[in-house]
PDB file of N, CA and C in Angstrom:
ATOM      1  N   MET A   1      10.805  19.992 -11.427  1.00  0.00           N
ATOM      2  CA  MET A   1      10.708  18.505 -11.454  1.00  0.00           C
ATOM      3  C   MET A   1      11.914  18.091 -10.725  1.00  0.00           C
ATOM      4  N   SER A   2      11.345  17.345  -9.867  1.00  0.00           N
ATOM      5  CA  SER A   2      12.620  16.769  -9.206  1.00  0.00           C
ATOM      6  C   SER A   2      13.608  15.116  -9.659  1.00  0.00           C
ATOM      7  N   THR A   3      14.640  15.063  -9.333  1.00  0.00           N
ATOM      8  CA  THR A   3      14.854  14.262  -9.871  1.00  0.00           C
ATOM      9  C   THR A   3      16.406  13.006  -9.135  1.00  0.00           C
ATOM     10  N   ALA A   4      15.902  12.095  -9.350  1.00  0.00           N
ATOM     11  CA  ALA A   4      16.661  11.422  -8.527  1.00  0.00           C
ATOM     12  C   ALA A   4      18.063  10.202  -8.788  1.00  0.00           C
ATOM     13  N   THR A   5      19.270   9.902  -8.846  1.00  0.00           N
ATOM     14  CA  THR A   5      20.000   8.376  -9.101  1.00  0.00           C
ATOM     15  C   THR A   5      19.903   7.763  -8.410  1.00  0.00           C
ATOM     16  N   LEU A   6      20.090   6.504  -9.536  1.00  0.00           N
ATOM     17  CA  LEU A   6      19.722   5.007  -9.065  1.00  0.00           C
ATOM     18  C   LEU A   6      21.587   4.138  -8.763  1.00  0.00           C
ATOM     19  N   THR A   7      21.476   3.702  -7.806  1.00  0.00           N
ATOM     20  CA  THR A   7      23.082   3.439  -7.261  1.00  0.00           C
ATOM     21  C   THR A   7      23.398   1.537  -8.158  1.00  0.00           C
ATOM     22  N   VAL A   8      23.946   1.407  -7.547  1.00  0.00           N
ATOM     23  CA  VAL A   8      24.306  -0.421  -8.157  1.00  0.00           C
ATOM     24  C   VAL A   8      23.477  -0.747  -7.184  1.00  0.00           C
ATOM     25  N   LYS A   9      23.808  -0.389  -5.999  1.00  0.00           N
ATOM     26  CA  LYS A   9      21.862  -1.637  -4.876  1.00  0.00           C
ATOM     27  C   LYS A   9      20.961  -1.102  -5.702  1.00  0.00           C
ATOM     28  N   GLY A  10      20.204  -0.547  -6.587  1.00  0.00           N
ATOM     29  CA  GLY A  10      19.481  -0.811  -6.774  1.00  0.00           C
ATOM     30  C   GLY A  10      18.278   1.066  -6.092  1.00  0.00           C
ATOM     31  N   GLN A  11      19.538   1.450  -5.462  1.00  0.00           N
ATOM     32  CA  GLN A  11      18.149   2.289  -4.055  1.00  0.00           C
ATOM     33  C   GLN A  11      18.136   3.531  -4.654  1.00  0.00           C
ATOM     34  N   ILE A  12      17.471   4.724  -3.994  1.00  0.00           N
ATOM     35  CA  ILE A  12      17.792   5.977  -4.590  1.00  0.00           C
ATOM     36  C   ILE A  12      17.505   6.675  -3.370  1.00  0.00           C
ATOM     37  N   THR A  13      17.721   7.543  -3.419  1.00  0.00           N
ATOM     38  CA  THR A  13      17.092   8.832  -2.508  1.00  0.00           C
ATOM     39  C   THR A  13      15.886   9.704  -2.838  1.00  0.00           C
ATOM     40  N   ILE A  14      15.088   9.334  -2.439  1.00  0.00           N
ATOM     41  CA  ILE A  14      14.223  10.416  -2.392  1.00  0.00           C
ATOM     42  C   ILE A  14      13.961  12.095  -2.179  1.00  0.00           C
ATOM     43  N   PRO A  15      14.235  12.375  -2.770  1.00  0.00           N
ATOM     44  CA  PRO A  15      14.141  14.414  -2.996  1.00  0.00           C
ATOM     45  C   PRO A  15      13.521  14.953  -1.986  1.00  0.00           C
ATOM     46  N   VAL A  16      14.614  15.461  -1.395  1.00  0.00           N
ATOM     47  CA  VAL A  16      13.419  15.982   0.351  1.00  0.00           C
ATOM     48  C   VAL A  16      12.096  17.472  -0.432  1.00  0.00           C
ATOM     49  N   ASP A  17      11.837  18.063  -1.681  1.00  0.00           N
ATOM     50  CA  ASP A  17      10.750  18.440  -1.655  1.00  0.00           C
ATOM     51  C   ASP A  17       9.724  17.779  -1.865  1.00  0.00           C
ATOM     52  N   VAL A  18      10.051  16.639  -2.831  1.00  0.00           N
ATOM     53  CA  VAL A  18       9.069  15.095  -2.824  1.00  0.00           C
ATOM     54  C   VAL A  18       8.821  14.878  -1.602  1.00  0.00           C
ATOM     55  N   ARG A  19       9.844  13.946  -0.359  1.00  0.00           N
ATOM     56  CA  ARG A  19       9.312  14.046   0.711  1.00  0.00           C
ATOM     57  C   ARG A  19       8.180  14.019   1.277  1.00  0.00           C
ATOM     58  N   ARG A  20       8.511  15.552   1.254  1.00  0.00           N
ATOM     59  CA  ARG A  20       7.373  16.961   2.214  1.00  0.00           C
ATOM     60  C   ARG A  20       6.360  16.578   1.788  1.00  0.00           C
ATOM     61  N   ALA A  21       6.371  17.198   0.378  1.00  0.00           N
ATOM     62  CA  ALA A  21       4.689  16.607  -0.340  1.00  0.00           C
ATOM     63  C   ALA A  21       4.483  15.821   0.107  1.00  0.00           C
ATOM     64  N   LEU A  22       4.655  14.346  -0.575  1.00  0.00           N
ATOM     65  CA  LEU A  22       4.250  13.019   0.467  1.00  0.00           C
ATOM     66  C   LEU A  22       4.077  13.236   2.023  1.00  0.00           C
ATOM     67  N   ASN A  23       4.635  14.194   2.488  1.00  0.00           N
ATOM     68  CA  ASN A  23       4.457  14.185   3.940  1.00  0.00           C
ATOM     69  C   ASN A  23       5.319  12.324   4.740  1.00  0.00           C
ATOM     70  N   VAL A  24       6.277  12.281   4.095  1.00  0.00           N
ATOM     71  CA  VAL A  24       6.588  10.969   4.499  1.00  0.00           C
ATOM     72  C   VAL A  24       8.491  11.200   5.079  1.00  0.00           C
ATOM     73  N   GLU A  25       8.656  10.471   6.054  1.00  0.00           N
ATOM     74  CA  GLU A  25       9.554  10.847   6.587  1.00  0.00           C
ATOM     75  C   GLU A  25      10.511   9.385   6.517  1.00  0.00           C
ATOM     76  N   ALA A  26      12.092   9.189   7.088  1.00  0.00           N
ATOM     77  CA  ALA A  26      12.508   7.978   7.323  1.00  0.00           C
ATOM     78  C   ALA A  26      11.989   7.113   7.571  1.00  0.00           C
ATOM     79  N   GLY A  27      11.739   5.770   7.706  1.00  0.00           N
ATOM     80  CA  GLY A  27      11.113   4.666   7.688  1.00  0.00           C
ATOM     81  C   GLY A  27       9.602   3.942   7.334  1.00  0.00           C
ATOM     82  N   ASP A  28       9.341   5.351   7.034  1.00  0.00           N
ATOM     83  CA  ASP A  28       7.859   4.887   6.385  1.00  0.00           C
ATOM     84  C   ASP A  28       7.777   4.571   5.186  1.00  0.00           C
ATOM     85  N   ARG A  29       7.117   4.124   4.856  1.00  0.00           N
ATOM     86  CA  ARG A  29       6.735   2.539   3.180  1.00  0.00           C
ATOM     87  C   ARG A  29       6.443   3.769   2.174  1.00  0.00           C
ATOM     88  N   VAL A  30       6.632   3.386   1.107  1.00  0.00           N
ATOM     89  CA  VAL A  30       5.753   4.285   0.438  1.00  0.00           C
ATOM     90  C   VAL A  30       5.668   3.233  -1.017  1.00  0.00           C
ATOM     91  N   GLU A  31       4.525   3.186  -1.543  1.00  0.00           N
ATOM     92  CA  GLU A  31       4.053   2.120  -3.378  1.00  0.00           C
ATOM     93  C   GLU A  31       4.777   2.952  -4.539  1.00  0.00           C
ATOM     94  N   PHE A  32       4.868   1.464  -4.897  1.00  0.00           N
ATOM     95  CA  PHE A  32       5.258   1.816  -6.624  1.00  0.00           C
ATOM     96  C   PHE A  32       4.099   1.475  -7.620  1.00  0.00           C
ATOM     97  N   VAL A  33       3.337   2.188  -7.834  1.00  0.00           N
ATOM     98  CA  VAL A  33       1.644   1.482  -8.922  1.00  0.00           C
ATOM     99  C   VAL A  33       1.814   2.005 -10.191  1.00  0.00           C
ATOM    100  N   GLN A  34       2.694   1.156 -11.013  1.00  0.00           N
ATOM    101  CA  GLN A  34       2.255   0.822 -12.500  1.00  0.00           C
ATOM    102  C   GLN A  34       0.910   1.556 -12.710  1.00  0.00           C
ATOM    103  N   ILE A  35       0.904   3.131 -13.341  1.00  0.00           N
ATOM    104  CA  ILE A  35      -0.632   3.088 -14.075  1.00  0.00           C
ATOM    105  C   ILE A  35      -0.112   2.918 -16.042  1.00  0.00           C
ATOM    106  N   GLU A  36       0.972   2.855 -16.861  1.00  0.00           N
ATOM    107  CA  GLU A  36       1.136   2.243 -17.847  1.00  0.00           C
ATOM    108  C   GLU A  36       2.778   2.086 -17.881  1.00  0.00           C
ATOM    109  N   PRO A  37       2.840   0.831 -18.719  1.00  0.00           N
ATOM    110  CA  PRO A  37       3.560   0.581 -19.063  1.00  0.00           C
ATOM    111  C   PRO A  37       4.793   1.644 -19.301  1.00  0.00           C
ATOM    112  N   GLY A  38       5.970   1.200 -18.389  1.00  0.00           N
ATOM    113  CA  GLY A  38       7.288   2.335 -17.898  1.00  0.00           C
ATOM    114  C   GLY A  38       6.678   3.437 -17.048  1.00  0.00           C
ATOM    115  N   ARG A  39       5.794   3.535 -16.834  1.00  0.00           N
ATOM    116  CA  ARG A  39       4.776   5.077 -16.326  1.00  0.00           C
ATOM    117  C   ARG A  39       4.706   4.383 -14.547  1.00  0.00           C
ATOM    118  N   PHE A  40       5.476   5.093 -13.700  1.00  0.00           N
ATOM    119  CA  PHE A  40       4.698   4.342 -12.240  1.00  0.00           C
ATOM    120  C   PHE A  40       4.591   5.769 -11.376  1.00  0.00           C
ATOM    121  N   GLU A  41       3.981   5.271  -9.743  1.00  0.00           N
ATOM    122  CA  GLU A  41       3.106   6.735  -9.696  1.00  0.00           C
ATOM    123  C   GLU A  41       3.906   6.529  -7.717  1.00  0.00           C
ATOM    124  N   LEU A  42       4.206   7.342  -7.316  1.00  0.00           N
ATOM    125  CA  LEU A  42       4.912   6.383  -6.128  1.00  0.00           C
ATOM    126  C   LEU A  42       3.807   7.148  -5.303  1.00  0.00           C
ATOM    127  N   ILE A  43       3.259   5.973  -4.347  1.00  0.00           N
ATOM    128  CA  ILE A  43       2.035   6.789  -3.091  1.00  0.00           C
ATOM    129  C   ILE A  43       3.073   6.328  -1.661  1.00  0.00           C
ATOM    130  N   ALA A  44       2.965   7.224  -1.084  1.00  0.00           N
ATOM    131  CA  ALA A  44       3.082   7.483   0.485  1.00  0.00           C
ATOM    132  C   ALA A  44       2.049   6.396   0.811  1.00  0.00           C
ATOM    133  N   ALA A  45       2.727   5.332   1.320  1.00  0.00           N
ATOM    134  CA  ALA A  45       1.765   4.222   2.213  1.00  0.00           C
ATOM    135  C   ALA A  45       1.740   4.427   3.418  1.00  0.00           C
ATOM    136  N   THR A  46       2.063   5.326   5.001  1.00  0.00           N
ATOM    137  CA  THR A  46       1.950   5.582   5.919  1.00  0.00           C
ATOM    138  C   THR A  46       0.962   5.349   6.698  1.00  0.00           C
ATOM    139  N   ARG A  47      -0.255   5.501   6.503  1.00  0.00           N
ATOM    140  CA  ARG A  47      -1.436   5.518   6.804  1.00  0.00           C
ATOM    141  C   ARG A  47      -1.979   4.035   7.823  1.00  0.00           C
ATOM    142  N   SER A  48      -2.299   4.209   8.646  1.00  0.00           N
ATOM    143  CA  SER A  48      -3.163   3.135   9.413  1.00  0.00           C
ATOM    144  C   SER A  48      -4.160   2.426   8.293  1.00  0.00           C
ATOM    145  N   VAL A  49      -4.008   1.105   8.874  1.00  0.00           N
ATOM    146  CA  VAL A  49      -5.146   0.695   7.991  1.00  0.00           C
ATOM    147  C   VAL A  49      -6.535   0.990   9.340  1.00  0.00           C
ATOM    148  N   ARG A  50      -6.027   1.242  10.593  1.00  0.00           N
ATOM    149  CA  ARG A  50      -8.078   1.301  11.702  1.00  0.00           C
ATOM    150  C   ARG A  50      -8.068   3.160  10.552  1.00  0.00           C
ATOM    151  N   GLU A  51      -7.794   3.816   9.967  1.00  0.00           N
ATOM    152  CA  GLU A  51      -8.768   5.173   9.654  1.00  0.00           C
ATOM    153  C   GLU A  51      -9.106   4.566   8.512  1.00  0.00           C
ATOM    154  N   LEU A  52      -9.139   3.273   8.318  1.00  0.00           N
ATOM    155  CA  LEU A  52     -10.578   2.536   7.124  1.00  0.00           C
ATOM    156  C   LEU A  52     -11.959   2.154   7.371  1.00  0.00           C
ATOM    157  N   LYS A  53     -11.073   2.538   8.736  1.00  0.00           N
ATOM    158  CA  LYS A  53     -13.006   2.101  10.349  1.00  0.00           C
ATOM    159  C   LYS A  53     -13.952   3.031   9.349  1.00  0.00           C
ATOM    160  N   GLY A  54     -14.884   3.065   9.605  1.00  0.00           N
ATOM    161  CA  GLY A  54     -16.392   3.235   9.088  1.00  0.00           C
ATOM    162  C   GLY A  54     -16.807   4.297   7.906  1.00  0.00           C
ATOM    163  N   ARG A  55     -15.451   4.166   6.482  1.00  0.00           N
ATOM    164  CA  ARG A  55     -15.750   3.733   5.666  1.00  0.00           C
ATOM    165  C   ARG A  55     -17.106   4.175   4.470  1.00  0.00           C
ATOM    166  N   PHE A  56     -16.914   1.965   5.050  1.00  0.00           N
ATOM    167  CA  PHE A  56     -17.759   1.143   4.206  1.00  0.00           C
ATOM    168  C   PHE A  56     -19.291   1.043   4.598  1.00  0.00           C
ATOM    169  N   GLY A  57     -19.348   1.584   5.789  1.00  0.00           N
ATOM    170  CA  GLY A  57     -20.890   1.111   6.603  1.00  0.00           C
ATOM    171  C   GLY A  57     -20.748   0.120   7.083  1.00  0.00           C
ATOM    172  N   LYS A  58     -21.846  -0.245   7.976  1.00  0.00           N
ATOM    173  CA  LYS A  58     -22.340  -1.283   9.130  1.00  0.00           C
ATOM    174  C   LYS A  58     -22.133  -2.255   8.508  1.00  0.00           C
ATOM    175  N   PRO A  59     -21.538  -3.954   8.391  1.00  0.00           N
ATOM    176  CA  PRO A  59     -21.881  -4.667   8.315  1.00  0.00           C
ATOM    177  C   PRO A  59     -23.629  -5.139   8.070  1.00  0.00           C
ATOM    178  N   LYS A  60     -23.915  -6.052   7.409  1.00  0.00           N
ATOM    179  CA  LYS A  60     -24.914  -6.846   7.423  1.00  0.00           C
ATOM    180  C   LYS A  60     -24.869  -7.819   9.097  1.00  0.00           C
ATOM    181  N   ARG A  61     -24.246  -8.596   8.647  1.00  0.00           N
ATOM    182  CA  ARG A  61     -23.739  -9.225  10.153  1.00  0.00           C
ATOM    183  C   ARG A  61     -22.454  -9.431  10.127  1.00  0.00           C
ATOM    184  N   ALA A  62     -22.349 -10.031  11.511  1.00  0.00           N
ATOM    185  CA  ALA A  62     -21.015 -10.418  12.051  1.00  0.00           C
ATOM    186  C   ALA A  62     -20.154 -10.928  11.537  1.00  0.00           C
ATOM    187  N   VAL A  63     -18.876 -11.193  11.062  1.00  0.00           N
ATOM    188  CA  VAL A  63     -18.969 -12.633  10.858  1.00  0.00           C
ATOM    189  C   VAL A  63     -17.437 -13.164  11.760  1.00  0.00           C
ATOM    190  N   SER A  64     -17.411 -14.442  12.352  1.00  0.00           N
ATOM    191  CA  SER A  64     -16.754 -14.173  13.082  1.00  0.00           C
ATOM    192  C   SER A  64     -15.343 -14.813  12.905  1.00  0.00           C
ATOM    193  N   ILE A  65     -14.280 -14.939  13.562  1.00  0.00           N
ATOM    194  CA  ILE A  65     -12.571 -15.699  12.976  1.00  0.00           C
ATOM    195  C   ILE A  65     -12.832 -16.667  12.045  1.00  0.00           C
ATOM    196  N   ASP A  66     -13.714 -17.561  12.904  1.00  0.00           N
ATOM    197  CA  ASP A  66     -13.821 -18.894  11.747  1.00  0.00           C
ATOM    198  C   ASP A  66     -14.236 -18.750  10.518  1.00  0.00           C
ATOM    199  N   GLU A  67     -15.289 -17.890  10.320  1.00  0.00           N
ATOM    200  CA  GLU A  67     -15.588 -17.457   8.519  1.00  0.00           C
ATOM    201  C   GLU A  67     -14.996 -17.218   8.405  1.00  0.00           C
ATOM    202  N   MET A  68     -14.126 -16.209   8.220  1.00  0.00           N
ATOM    203  CA  MET A  68     -12.858 -15.759   8.133  1.00  0.00           C
ATOM    204  C   MET A  68     -12.273 -16.592   7.787  1.00  0.00           C
ATOM    205  N   ASN A  69     -11.614 -17.438   8.420  1.00  0.00           N
ATOM    206  CA  ASN A  69     -10.730 -18.717   8.157  1.00  0.00           C
ATOM    207  C   ASN A  69     -11.170 -19.934   7.397  1.00  0.00           C
ATOM    208  N   ALA A  70     -12.576 -19.719   6.956  1.00  0.00           N
ATOM    209  CA  ALA A  70     -12.950 -20.849   6.479  1.00  0.00           C
ATOM    210  C   ALA A  70     -12.528 -19.837   4.478  1.00  0.00           C
ATOM    211  N   ALA A  71     -13.553 -19.217   4.618  1.00  0.00           N
ATOM    212  CA  ALA A  71     -13.574 -18.487   3.416  1.00  0.00           C
ATOM    213  C   ALA A  71     -11.816 -18.251   2.781  1.00  0.00           C
ATOM    214  N   ILE A  72     -11.205 -17.623   3.341  1.00  0.00           N
ATOM    215  CA  ILE A  72      -8.946 -17.992   3.262  1.00  0.00           C
ATOM    216  C   ILE A  72      -9.121 -19.177   2.540  1.00  0.00           C
ATOM    217  N   ALA A  73      -9.752 -19.618   3.453  1.00  0.00           N
ATOM    218  CA  ALA A  73      -9.204 -21.964   3.171  1.00  0.00           C
ATOM    219  C   ALA A  73      -9.864 -21.870   1.115  1.00  0.00           C
ATOM    220  N   ALA A  74     -11.517 -21.273   1.468  1.00  0.00           N
ATOM    221  CA  ALA A  74     -11.531 -21.950   0.423  1.00  0.00           C
ATOM    222  C   ALA A  74     -11.093 -21.199  -1.286  1.00  0.00           C
ATOM    223  N   ALA A  75     -10.582 -19.429  -0.623  1.00  0.00           N
ATOM    224  CA  ALA A  75     -10.362 -19.193  -1.983  1.00  0.00           C
ATOM    225  C   ALA A  75      -8.780 -19.929  -2.330  1.00  0.00           C
ATOM    226  N   GLY A  76      -7.679 -20.004  -1.399  1.00  0.00           N
ATOM    227  CA  GLY A  76      -6.905 -20.313  -1.122  1.00  0.00           C
ATOM    228  C   GLY A  76      -6.726 -22.067  -2.670  1.00  0.00           C
ATOM    229  N   SER A  77      -7.667 -22.567  -2.470  1.00  0.00           N
ATOM    230  CA  SER A  77      -7.929 -24.330  -2.700  1.00  0.00           C
ATOM    231  C   SER A  77      -7.926 -23.693  -4.254  1.00  0.00           C
ATOM    232  N   ARG A  78      -9.481 -22.464  -4.318  1.00  0.00           N
ATOM    233  CA  ARG A  78      -9.925 -22.677  -5.721  1.00  0.00           C
ATOM    234  C   ARG A  78      -8.408 -21.675  -6.192  1.00  0.00           C
ATOM    235  N   ALA A  79      -7.604 -21.047  -5.819  1.00  0.00           N
ATOM    236  CA  ALA A  79      -6.522 -20.549  -6.466  1.00  0.00           C
ATOM    237  C   ALA A  79      -5.341 -21.407  -7.269  1.00  0.00           C
ATOM    238  N   ARG A  80      -4.918 -22.404  -6.753  1.00  0.00           N
ATOM    239  CA  ARG A  80      -5.013 -24.053  -6.864  1.00  0.00           C
ATOM    240  C   ARG A  80      -4.841 -25.101  -8.269  1.00  0.00           C
TER     241      ARG A  80
END
């Protein structure tokens, strides 16, 4: 099991064996996901959003930027 120490600035150094297993390097992003109270999972967030292309099938119809902006505005106004 690997361990790390939290600094007074709230920083940790991820042990080298963990970095290798996650395939992360300096400058890469990681996410901390709470899986239950007091327990988190560390996930490498280094993949490009472009890797999602084709995973969800073809859309039924094309959506314009104006339609996307309208949907975002409508959702935002409902959230207030």
